[in-house]
Amino acid sequence: MHESVIMSGFGGQGILLMGQLLCYAGMQEGLKVTWMPSYGPEMRGGTANCTVMISSERIGSPVTHHPSSLVAMNKASMDRFEAAVQAGGLLVINSSLVDRDSRRSDLQVVKVLANKIAEEAGTLQVTNMAALGAYVEGKGVVSLESVILALRRMIPEHRKELLAVNEKALRRGAAVAAAQIKTVKNE
């Protein structure tokens, strides 16, 4: 098994944290992982993305030009990376901010209203967790429980009060993805 995913959005959306959590979850499951961030000098509003590799085998390079998955948290990210995703790959779209459908018919697409899920969970700060939950459910390379355990271990002490809302958003994002995947399989 070898998975490569680009997670992309704008600064302040927690893009890099999503990638880190995915890596920690993979390590907990005994997999090989790499995480390579890329971001502009702006703290908020600039572009941010990271590439994560998860594999049962040794990883030769943390760079990919054709990821097997994309998590697009905004329209600019979808416009930039959608064409690069491998045929048959997974595209998770934050449909709260992306106002278009995929231009490709050879991808598994999961649309998640990540901002709305975050608001319902209690804070927009967990928008990234809704998208991450959808990705984890859609791809299945690590378990949601491993991601939650990684979150519990990573979250700083001064943010522990956000643990419950983060977990709620993760689970809700996963549930939305599960319902979409089940519907597609039944058609």
N, C-alpha and C. Protein backbone atom coordinates (compact mmCIF):
# COMPACT_ATOMS: atom_id res chain seq x y z
N MET A 1 0.84 -1.18 0.00
CA MET A 1 0.00 0.00 0.00
C MET A 1 0.89 1.24 0.00
N HIS A 2 0.53 2.18 -0.86
CA HIS A 2 1.23 3.46 -0.91
C HIS A 2 0.20 4.55 -1.24
N GLU A 3 0.07 5.49 -0.35
CA GLU A 3 -0.87 6.59 -0.51
C GLU A 3 -0.11 7.90 -0.50
N SER A 4 -0.44 8.77 -1.44
CA SER A 4 0.10 10.13 -1.46
C SER A 4 -1.09 11.08 -1.53
N VAL A 5 -1.10 12.06 -0.65
CA VAL A 5 -2.21 13.00 -0.61
C VAL A 5 -1.66 14.42 -0.48
N ILE A 6 -2.26 15.32 -1.23
CA ILE A 6 -1.99 16.74 -1.06
C ILE A 6 -3.20 17.33 -0.35
N MET A 7 -2.92 18.04 0.73
CA MET A 7 -3.95 18.77 1.47
C MET A 7 -3.65 20.24 1.25
N SER A 8 -4.64 20.97 0.76
CA SER A 8 -4.35 22.33 0.36
C SER A 8 -5.50 23.29 0.69
N GLY A 9 -5.13 24.51 1.02
CA GLY A 9 -6.09 25.55 1.32
C GLY A 9 -5.35 26.86 1.52
N PHE A 10 -5.89 27.70 2.39
CA PHE A 10 -5.19 28.94 2.69
C PHE A 10 -4.74 28.92 4.14
N GLY A 11 -3.73 29.74 4.43
CA GLY A 11 -3.19 29.82 5.78
C GLY A 11 -4.27 30.12 6.80
N GLY A 12 -4.23 29.43 7.91
CA GLY A 12 -5.22 29.62 8.96
C GLY A 12 -6.29 28.54 8.96
N GLN A 13 -6.32 27.70 7.92
CA GLN A 13 -7.32 26.63 7.86
C GLN A 13 -6.86 25.34 8.55
N GLY A 14 -5.64 25.30 9.04
CA GLY A 14 -5.16 24.11 9.71
C GLY A 14 -4.71 23.01 8.76
N ILE A 15 -4.27 23.39 7.59
CA ILE A 15 -3.84 22.44 6.57
C ILE A 15 -2.67 21.60 7.05
N LEU A 16 -1.66 22.26 7.60
CA LEU A 16 -0.46 21.55 8.04
C LEU A 16 -0.78 20.61 9.19
N LEU A 17 -1.67 21.01 10.08
CA LEU A 17 -2.07 20.15 11.19
C LEU A 17 -2.77 18.89 10.67
N MET A 18 -3.60 19.03 9.65
CA MET A 18 -4.26 17.84 9.07
C MET A 18 -3.21 16.83 8.63
N GLY A 19 -2.19 17.31 7.93
CA GLY A 19 -1.14 16.43 7.45
C GLY A 19 -0.36 15.79 8.58
N GLN A 20 -0.06 16.57 9.60
CA GLN A 20 0.67 16.03 10.75
C GLN A 20 -0.14 14.94 11.45
N LEU A 21 -1.41 15.19 11.65
CA LEU A 21 -2.26 14.19 12.32
C LEU A 21 -2.32 12.90 11.51
N LEU A 22 -2.43 13.03 10.21
CA LEU A 22 -2.46 11.86 9.36
C LEU A 22 -1.16 11.06 9.48
N CYS A 23 -0.04 11.77 9.51
CA CYS A 23 1.26 11.10 9.68
C CYS A 23 1.35 10.40 11.03
N TYR A 24 0.99 11.08 12.09
CA TYR A 24 1.05 10.47 13.41
C TYR A 24 0.14 9.25 13.50
N ALA A 25 -1.02 9.33 12.89
CA ALA A 25 -1.93 8.17 12.88
C ALA A 25 -1.28 7.01 12.13
N GLY A 26 -0.64 7.31 11.01
CA GLY A 26 0.06 6.26 10.26
C GLY A 26 1.18 5.63 11.06
N MET A 27 1.96 6.45 11.75
CA MET A 27 3.05 5.92 12.59
C MET A 27 2.50 5.01 13.68
N GLN A 28 1.39 5.43 14.28
CA GLN A 28 0.77 4.61 15.33
C GLN A 28 0.35 3.24 14.80
N GLU A 29 0.04 3.18 13.51
CA GLU A 29 -0.38 1.93 12.90
C GLU A 29 0.79 1.17 12.27
N GLY A 30 2.00 1.64 12.54
CA GLY A 30 3.19 0.93 12.07
C GLY A 30 3.54 1.16 10.62
N LEU A 31 3.01 2.23 10.02
CA LEU A 31 3.28 2.54 8.62
C LEU A 31 4.43 3.53 8.50
N LYS A 32 5.00 3.60 7.33
CA LYS A 32 6.03 4.58 7.02
C LYS A 32 5.32 5.85 6.55
N VAL A 33 5.83 7.01 6.96
CA VAL A 33 5.16 8.27 6.61
C VAL A 33 6.18 9.36 6.30
N THR A 34 5.76 10.31 5.47
CA THR A 34 6.49 11.56 5.28
C THR A 34 5.47 12.69 5.25
N TRP A 35 5.92 13.86 5.64
CA TRP A 35 5.08 15.06 5.65
C TRP A 35 5.94 16.20 5.13
N MET A 36 5.49 16.85 4.06
CA MET A 36 6.26 17.95 3.51
C MET A 36 5.35 19.17 3.36
N PRO A 37 5.54 20.17 4.22
CA PRO A 37 4.72 21.38 4.14
C PRO A 37 5.22 22.35 3.09
N SER A 38 4.30 23.18 2.62
CA SER A 38 4.62 24.26 1.70
C SER A 38 3.67 25.41 1.99
N TYR A 39 4.23 26.57 2.27
CA TYR A 39 3.37 27.70 2.61
C TYR A 39 4.09 29.00 2.31
N GLY A 40 3.29 30.03 2.11
CA GLY A 40 3.83 31.36 1.85
C GLY A 40 4.21 32.06 3.14
N PRO A 41 4.75 33.26 3.07
CA PRO A 41 5.19 33.96 4.27
C PRO A 41 4.04 34.52 5.11
N GLU A 42 2.83 34.55 4.54
CA GLU A 42 1.70 35.10 5.27
C GLU A 42 1.26 34.12 6.35
N MET A 43 0.85 34.62 7.50
CA MET A 43 0.36 33.74 8.56
C MET A 43 -1.07 33.31 8.27
N ARG A 44 -1.88 34.21 7.75
CA ARG A 44 -3.28 33.90 7.46
C ARG A 44 -3.60 34.41 6.07
N GLY A 45 -4.37 33.61 5.34
CA GLY A 45 -4.83 34.05 4.04
C GLY A 45 -3.96 33.66 2.86
N GLY A 46 -2.68 33.41 3.08
CA GLY A 46 -1.81 32.96 1.99
C GLY A 46 -2.09 31.50 1.68
N THR A 47 -1.40 30.96 0.72
CA THR A 47 -1.60 29.56 0.37
C THR A 47 -0.82 28.66 1.32
N ALA A 48 -1.38 27.50 1.56
CA ALA A 48 -0.72 26.48 2.39
C ALA A 48 -1.11 25.12 1.85
N ASN A 49 -0.14 24.24 1.76
CA ASN A 49 -0.45 22.86 1.41
C ASN A 49 0.62 21.96 2.00
N CYS A 50 0.30 20.70 2.08
CA CYS A 50 1.30 19.73 2.50
C CYS A 50 1.05 18.44 1.74
N THR A 51 2.14 17.73 1.54
CA THR A 51 2.08 16.43 0.91
C THR A 51 2.38 15.39 1.97
N VAL A 52 1.52 14.40 2.06
CA VAL A 52 1.70 13.30 3.00
C VAL A 52 1.81 12.01 2.21
N MET A 53 2.78 11.21 2.57
CA MET A 53 2.94 9.86 2.02
C MET A 53 2.75 8.88 3.17
N ILE A 54 1.97 7.86 2.92
CA ILE A 54 1.77 6.78 3.89
C ILE A 54 1.96 5.48 3.13
N SER A 55 2.81 4.62 3.67
CA SER A 55 3.12 3.40 2.94
C SER A 55 3.47 2.26 3.87
N SER A 56 3.21 1.06 3.40
CA SER A 56 3.64 -0.13 4.14
C SER A 56 5.10 -0.44 3.80
N GLU A 57 5.62 0.18 2.75
CA GLU A 57 6.99 -0.01 2.30
C GLU A 57 7.79 1.28 2.52
N ARG A 58 9.07 1.19 2.33
CA ARG A 58 9.94 2.35 2.44
C ARG A 58 9.51 3.41 1.42
N ILE A 59 9.56 4.68 1.80
CA ILE A 59 9.18 5.79 0.93
C ILE A 59 10.45 6.39 0.34
N GLY A 60 10.52 6.42 -0.98
CA GLY A 60 11.72 6.90 -1.65
C GLY A 60 11.85 8.41 -1.68
N SER A 61 10.73 9.12 -1.73
CA SER A 61 10.76 10.58 -1.82
C SER A 61 9.47 11.14 -1.24
N PRO A 62 9.57 12.28 -0.56
CA PRO A 62 8.35 12.91 -0.02
C PRO A 62 7.61 13.76 -1.06
N VAL A 63 8.10 13.77 -2.29
CA VAL A 63 7.54 14.61 -3.35
C VAL A 63 6.67 13.77 -4.29
N THR A 64 5.54 14.31 -4.67
CA THR A 64 4.72 13.67 -5.69
C THR A 64 4.18 14.73 -6.63
N HIS A 65 4.14 14.38 -7.89
CA HIS A 65 3.53 15.28 -8.87
C HIS A 65 2.13 14.78 -9.25
N HIS A 66 1.84 13.53 -8.88
CA HIS A 66 0.54 12.93 -9.18
C HIS A 66 0.06 12.18 -7.94
N PRO A 67 -0.53 12.91 -6.98
CA PRO A 67 -1.00 12.27 -5.75
C PRO A 67 -2.18 11.35 -6.02
N SER A 68 -2.37 10.39 -5.13
CA SER A 68 -3.54 9.52 -5.26
C SER A 68 -4.78 10.17 -4.66
N SER A 69 -4.60 11.25 -3.89
CA SER A 69 -5.74 11.95 -3.28
C SER A 69 -5.44 13.43 -3.16
N LEU A 70 -6.53 14.20 -3.08
CA LEU A 70 -6.45 15.64 -2.85
C LEU A 70 -7.56 16.04 -1.90
N VAL A 71 -7.20 16.82 -0.89
CA VAL A 71 -8.18 17.47 -0.03
C VAL A 71 -8.11 18.95 -0.37
N ALA A 72 -9.13 19.45 -1.04
CA ALA A 72 -9.18 20.85 -1.49
C ALA A 72 -10.08 21.65 -0.56
N MET A 73 -9.45 22.50 0.24
CA MET A 73 -10.20 23.28 1.22
C MET A 73 -10.72 24.60 0.67
N ASN A 74 -10.25 24.99 -0.52
CA ASN A 74 -10.78 26.20 -1.16
C ASN A 74 -10.68 26.03 -2.68
N LYS A 75 -11.31 26.92 -3.41
CA LYS A 75 -11.39 26.80 -4.86
C LYS A 75 -10.01 26.90 -5.52
N ALA A 76 -9.17 27.80 -5.03
CA ALA A 76 -7.83 27.95 -5.61
C ALA A 76 -7.05 26.64 -5.53
N SER A 77 -7.20 25.93 -4.44
CA SER A 77 -6.50 24.65 -4.27
C SER A 77 -7.03 23.60 -5.23
N MET A 78 -8.33 23.58 -5.40
CA MET A 78 -8.92 22.63 -6.34
C MET A 78 -8.46 22.94 -7.76
N ASP A 79 -8.49 24.23 -8.12
CA ASP A 79 -8.05 24.63 -9.46
C ASP A 79 -6.58 24.26 -9.70
N ARG A 80 -5.77 24.39 -8.68
CA ARG A 80 -4.34 24.14 -8.82
C ARG A 80 -3.98 22.65 -8.90
N PHE A 81 -4.63 21.80 -8.08
CA PHE A 81 -4.17 20.43 -7.93
C PHE A 81 -5.08 19.35 -8.53
N GLU A 82 -6.31 19.67 -8.86
CA GLU A 82 -7.26 18.63 -9.32
C GLU A 82 -6.73 17.83 -10.50
N ALA A 83 -6.17 18.47 -11.49
CA ALA A 83 -5.71 17.77 -12.70
C ALA A 83 -4.58 16.80 -12.42
N ALA A 84 -3.84 17.01 -11.34
CA ALA A 84 -2.68 16.17 -11.04
C ALA A 84 -3.04 14.84 -10.36
N VAL A 85 -4.24 14.73 -9.80
CA VAL A 85 -4.62 13.53 -9.06
C VAL A 85 -4.69 12.33 -10.01
N GLN A 86 -4.15 11.21 -9.55
CA GLN A 86 -4.16 9.98 -10.35
C GLN A 86 -5.58 9.54 -10.66
N ALA A 87 -5.79 8.98 -11.83
CA ALA A 87 -7.09 8.41 -12.19
C ALA A 87 -7.48 7.37 -11.14
N GLY A 88 -8.73 7.41 -10.73
CA GLY A 88 -9.21 6.50 -9.70
C GLY A 88 -8.96 7.00 -8.29
N GLY A 89 -8.34 8.18 -8.18
CA GLY A 89 -8.01 8.74 -6.87
C GLY A 89 -9.21 9.36 -6.18
N LEU A 90 -8.95 9.86 -4.98
CA LEU A 90 -9.99 10.47 -4.14
C LEU A 90 -9.82 11.98 -4.14
N LEU A 91 -10.93 12.68 -4.32
CA LEU A 91 -10.97 14.13 -4.23
C LEU A 91 -11.97 14.51 -3.15
N VAL A 92 -11.48 15.10 -2.07
CA VAL A 92 -12.35 15.59 -1.00
C VAL A 92 -12.44 17.10 -1.19
N ILE A 93 -13.67 17.57 -1.34
CA ILE A 93 -13.92 18.99 -1.62
C ILE A 93 -14.64 19.62 -0.42
N ASN A 94 -14.08 20.72 0.08
CA ASN A 94 -14.79 21.52 1.07
C ASN A 94 -15.83 22.34 0.32
N SER A 95 -17.02 21.77 0.18
CA SER A 95 -18.05 22.40 -0.63
C SER A 95 -18.63 23.65 0.02
N SER A 96 -18.19 23.97 1.24
CA SER A 96 -18.56 25.26 1.83
C SER A 96 -17.88 26.41 1.11
N LEU A 97 -16.69 26.15 0.56
CA LEU A 97 -15.92 27.21 -0.10
C LEU A 97 -15.66 26.96 -1.58
N VAL A 98 -15.84 25.75 -2.04
CA VAL A 98 -15.61 25.43 -3.45
C VAL A 98 -16.97 25.36 -4.14
N ASP A 99 -17.19 26.26 -5.07
CA ASP A 99 -18.52 26.38 -5.69
C ASP A 99 -18.61 25.69 -7.05
N ARG A 100 -17.78 24.70 -7.28
CA ARG A 100 -17.87 23.97 -8.55
C ARG A 100 -17.66 22.48 -8.29
N ASP A 101 -18.13 21.69 -9.26
CA ASP A 101 -17.93 20.26 -9.21
C ASP A 101 -16.57 19.92 -9.81
N SER A 102 -16.18 18.69 -9.62
CA SER A 102 -14.95 18.22 -10.24
C SER A 102 -15.11 18.25 -11.76
N ARG A 103 -14.03 18.56 -12.44
CA ARG A 103 -14.05 18.56 -13.90
C ARG A 103 -13.69 17.18 -14.45
N ARG A 104 -13.45 16.25 -13.54
CA ARG A 104 -13.03 14.91 -13.95
C ARG A 104 -14.07 13.87 -13.58
N SER A 105 -14.19 12.86 -14.42
CA SER A 105 -15.15 11.78 -14.16
C SER A 105 -14.44 10.52 -13.67
N ASP A 106 -13.11 10.56 -13.57
CA ASP A 106 -12.36 9.37 -13.18
C ASP A 106 -11.88 9.41 -11.72
N LEU A 107 -12.50 10.25 -10.90
CA LEU A 107 -12.14 10.36 -9.50
C LEU A 107 -13.32 10.01 -8.61
N GLN A 108 -13.02 9.49 -7.43
CA GLN A 108 -14.05 9.33 -6.41
C GLN A 108 -14.12 10.69 -5.70
N VAL A 109 -15.28 11.30 -5.72
CA VAL A 109 -15.44 12.65 -5.17
C VAL A 109 -16.31 12.59 -3.92
N VAL A 110 -15.80 13.23 -2.87
CA VAL A 110 -16.56 13.38 -1.62
C VAL A 110 -16.66 14.87 -1.35
N LYS A 111 -17.89 15.36 -1.29
CA LYS A 111 -18.13 16.76 -0.97
C LYS A 111 -18.55 16.85 0.49
N VAL A 112 -17.89 17.71 1.22
CA VAL A 112 -18.19 17.87 2.63
C VAL A 112 -18.32 19.37 2.93
N LEU A 113 -19.43 19.73 3.53
CA LEU A 113 -19.65 21.12 3.95
C LEU A 113 -18.86 21.34 5.24
N ALA A 114 -17.55 21.39 5.10
CA ALA A 114 -16.67 21.39 6.27
C ALA A 114 -16.90 22.60 7.18
N ASN A 115 -17.11 23.77 6.62
CA ASN A 115 -17.36 24.95 7.44
C ASN A 115 -18.66 24.81 8.23
N LYS A 116 -19.68 24.29 7.57
CA LYS A 116 -20.97 24.10 8.25
C LYS A 116 -20.86 23.07 9.37
N ILE A 117 -20.16 21.98 9.11
CA ILE A 117 -19.96 20.96 10.15
C ILE A 117 -19.22 21.57 11.33
N ALA A 118 -18.20 22.38 11.04
CA ALA A 118 -17.43 23.02 12.11
C ALA A 118 -18.31 23.96 12.94
N GLU A 119 -19.13 24.75 12.25
CA GLU A 119 -20.04 25.65 12.96
C GLU A 119 -20.98 24.87 13.87
N GLU A 120 -21.52 23.76 13.34
CA GLU A 120 -22.43 22.92 14.13
C GLU A 120 -21.72 22.27 15.32
N ALA A 121 -20.41 22.00 15.16
CA ALA A 121 -19.62 21.42 16.24
C ALA A 121 -19.30 22.46 17.31
N GLY A 122 -19.33 23.75 16.93
CA GLY A 122 -19.12 24.79 17.92
C GLY A 122 -18.10 25.85 17.56
N THR A 123 -17.26 25.62 16.54
CA THR A 123 -16.27 26.62 16.16
C THR A 123 -15.71 26.35 14.77
N LEU A 124 -15.51 27.42 14.01
CA LEU A 124 -14.93 27.28 12.67
C LEU A 124 -13.48 26.78 12.71
N GLN A 125 -12.87 26.80 13.89
CA GLN A 125 -11.49 26.33 14.04
C GLN A 125 -11.34 24.85 13.69
N VAL A 126 -12.43 24.10 13.63
CA VAL A 126 -12.33 22.66 13.37
C VAL A 126 -12.78 22.27 11.96
N THR A 127 -12.83 23.25 11.06
CA THR A 127 -13.18 22.97 9.67
C THR A 127 -12.25 21.91 9.08
N ASN A 128 -10.97 22.04 9.41
CA ASN A 128 -9.98 21.08 8.90
C ASN A 128 -10.28 19.65 9.38
N MET A 129 -10.80 19.51 10.57
CA MET A 129 -11.09 18.18 11.12
C MET A 129 -12.25 17.52 10.38
N ALA A 130 -13.23 18.31 9.96
CA ALA A 130 -14.34 17.75 9.18
C ALA A 130 -13.82 17.20 7.85
N ALA A 131 -12.95 17.94 7.20
CA ALA A 131 -12.37 17.48 5.93
C ALA A 131 -11.46 16.27 6.14
N LEU A 132 -10.68 16.29 7.21
CA LEU A 132 -9.80 15.15 7.50
C LEU A 132 -10.61 13.89 7.78
N GLY A 133 -11.68 14.02 8.54
CA GLY A 133 -12.55 12.87 8.79
C GLY A 133 -13.11 12.30 7.50
N ALA A 134 -13.52 13.17 6.57
CA ALA A 134 -14.03 12.72 5.28
C ALA A 134 -12.95 11.99 4.49
N TYR A 135 -11.75 12.54 4.50
CA TYR A 135 -10.64 11.89 3.79
C TYR A 135 -10.34 10.51 4.37
N VAL A 136 -10.23 10.43 5.68
CA VAL A 136 -9.90 9.16 6.34
C VAL A 136 -10.96 8.11 6.02
N GLU A 137 -12.21 8.50 6.06
CA GLU A 137 -13.29 7.56 5.72
C GLU A 137 -13.24 7.17 4.25
N GLY A 138 -12.98 8.14 3.40
CA GLY A 138 -12.97 7.88 1.96
C GLY A 138 -11.81 7.02 1.51
N LYS A 139 -10.66 7.17 2.14
CA LYS A 139 -9.46 6.46 1.69
C LYS A 139 -9.19 5.21 2.52
N GLY A 140 -9.42 5.27 3.81
CA GLY A 140 -9.24 4.09 4.65
C GLY A 140 -7.81 3.64 4.88
N VAL A 141 -6.82 4.51 4.68
CA VAL A 141 -5.44 4.10 4.89
C VAL A 141 -5.05 4.03 6.36
N VAL A 142 -5.73 4.81 7.19
CA VAL A 142 -5.59 4.73 8.64
C VAL A 142 -7.00 4.78 9.23
N SER A 143 -7.12 4.38 10.47
CA SER A 143 -8.44 4.41 11.10
C SER A 143 -8.72 5.78 11.70
N LEU A 144 -9.98 6.10 11.80
CA LEU A 144 -10.39 7.36 12.43
C LEU A 144 -9.95 7.37 13.89
N GLU A 145 -9.99 6.22 14.53
CA GLU A 145 -9.58 6.14 15.93
C GLU A 145 -8.10 6.48 16.10
N SER A 146 -7.27 6.09 15.13
CA SER A 146 -5.84 6.44 15.19
C SER A 146 -5.65 7.95 15.05
N VAL A 147 -6.46 8.58 14.20
CA VAL A 147 -6.38 10.03 14.04
C VAL A 147 -6.79 10.72 15.34
N ILE A 148 -7.85 10.23 15.97
CA ILE A 148 -8.31 10.82 17.23
C ILE A 148 -7.26 10.64 18.32
N LEU A 149 -6.64 9.48 18.38
CA LEU A 149 -5.57 9.25 19.36
C LEU A 149 -4.39 10.19 19.08
N ALA A 150 -4.03 10.36 17.82
CA ALA A 150 -2.95 11.30 17.46
C ALA A 150 -3.31 12.72 17.89
N LEU A 151 -4.56 13.11 17.68
CA LEU A 151 -5.02 14.44 18.09
C LEU A 151 -4.89 14.61 19.60
N ARG A 152 -5.31 13.61 20.35
CA ARG A 152 -5.22 13.69 21.82
C ARG A 152 -3.78 13.84 22.28
N ARG A 153 -2.87 13.21 21.57
CA ARG A 153 -1.46 13.30 21.94
C ARG A 153 -0.82 14.60 21.49
N MET A 154 -1.28 15.15 20.37
CA MET A 154 -0.66 16.34 19.79
C MET A 154 -1.19 17.66 20.30
N ILE A 155 -2.44 17.69 20.67
CA ILE A 155 -3.07 18.97 21.00
C ILE A 155 -2.38 19.59 22.22
N PRO A 156 -1.99 20.84 22.13
CA PRO A 156 -1.31 21.47 23.26
C PRO A 156 -2.23 21.61 24.47
N GLU A 157 -1.64 21.67 25.61
CA GLU A 157 -2.39 21.75 26.87
C GLU A 157 -3.37 22.93 26.87
N HIS A 158 -2.96 24.06 26.32
CA HIS A 158 -3.83 25.24 26.32
C HIS A 158 -4.97 25.14 25.30
N ARG A 159 -5.03 24.05 24.54
CA ARG A 159 -6.11 23.84 23.57
C ARG A 159 -6.95 22.60 23.90
N LYS A 160 -6.72 21.99 25.04
CA LYS A 160 -7.42 20.74 25.40
C LYS A 160 -8.93 20.90 25.41
N GLU A 161 -9.42 22.13 25.66
CA GLU A 161 -10.87 22.34 25.67
C GLU A 161 -11.48 22.15 24.29
N LEU A 162 -10.65 22.18 23.24
CA LEU A 162 -11.15 22.00 21.88
C LEU A 162 -11.15 20.53 21.44
N LEU A 163 -10.67 19.65 22.29
CA LEU A 163 -10.58 18.24 21.92
C LEU A 163 -11.94 17.65 21.54
N ALA A 164 -12.96 17.91 22.32
CA ALA A 164 -14.29 17.34 22.06
C ALA A 164 -14.87 17.85 20.74
N VAL A 165 -14.71 19.15 20.43
CA VAL A 165 -15.26 19.67 19.17
C VAL A 165 -14.46 19.18 17.97
N ASN A 166 -13.15 19.01 18.15
CA ASN A 166 -12.33 18.43 17.08
C ASN A 166 -12.79 17.02 16.76
N GLU A 167 -13.00 16.23 17.80
CA GLU A 167 -13.45 14.84 17.61
C GLU A 167 -14.84 14.80 16.97
N LYS A 168 -15.71 15.68 17.41
CA LYS A 168 -17.06 15.74 16.84
C LYS A 168 -17.01 16.06 15.34
N ALA A 169 -16.17 17.01 14.96
CA ALA A 169 -16.04 17.39 13.54
C ALA A 169 -15.42 16.25 12.73
N LEU A 170 -14.41 15.57 13.28
CA LEU A 170 -13.81 14.42 12.60
C LEU A 170 -14.86 13.35 12.32
N ARG A 171 -15.63 13.00 13.34
CA ARG A 171 -16.64 11.95 13.20
C ARG A 171 -17.75 12.35 12.23
N ARG A 172 -18.15 13.62 12.27
CA ARG A 172 -19.21 14.09 11.37
C ARG A 172 -18.72 14.10 9.92
N GLY A 173 -17.50 14.53 9.69
CA GLY A 173 -16.94 14.51 8.35
C GLY A 173 -16.85 13.08 7.81
N ALA A 174 -16.45 12.15 8.67
CA ALA A 174 -16.37 10.74 8.28
C ALA A 174 -17.76 10.20 7.94
N ALA A 175 -18.75 10.57 8.72
CA ALA A 175 -20.12 10.10 8.48
C ALA A 175 -20.66 10.62 7.15
N VAL A 176 -20.37 11.88 6.83
CA VAL A 176 -20.81 12.46 5.56
C VAL A 176 -20.17 11.70 4.41
N ALA A 177 -18.87 11.43 4.51
CA ALA A 177 -18.18 10.68 3.45
C ALA A 177 -18.73 9.27 3.32
N ALA A 178 -18.97 8.62 4.44
CA ALA A 178 -19.51 7.24 4.41
C ALA A 178 -20.86 7.20 3.69
N ALA A 179 -21.70 8.19 3.97
CA ALA A 179 -23.02 8.22 3.32
C ALA A 179 -22.88 8.44 1.81
N GLN A 180 -21.95 9.30 1.39
CA GLN A 180 -21.77 9.54 -0.04
C GLN A 180 -21.19 8.32 -0.74
N ILE A 181 -20.24 7.67 -0.10
CA ILE A 181 -19.63 6.48 -0.71
C ILE A 181 -20.63 5.34 -0.81
N LYS A 182 -21.45 5.17 0.20
CA LYS A 182 -22.48 4.13 0.18
C LYS A 182 -23.47 4.40 -0.94
N THR A 183 -23.87 5.64 -1.12
CA THR A 183 -24.81 6.01 -2.17
C THR A 183 -24.24 5.70 -3.55
N VAL A 184 -22.97 6.04 -3.75
CA VAL A 184 -22.32 5.79 -5.04
C VAL A 184 -22.24 4.29 -5.31
N LYS A 185 -21.90 3.51 -4.31
CA LYS A 185 -21.78 2.05 -4.49
C LYS A 185 -23.13 1.41 -4.78
N ASN A 186 -24.21 2.01 -4.26
CA ASN A 186 -25.55 1.45 -4.47
C ASN A 186 -26.15 1.83 -5.82
N GLU A 187 -25.54 2.78 -6.51
CA GLU A 187 -26.11 3.23 -7.79
C GLU A 187 -25.72 2.30 -8.92
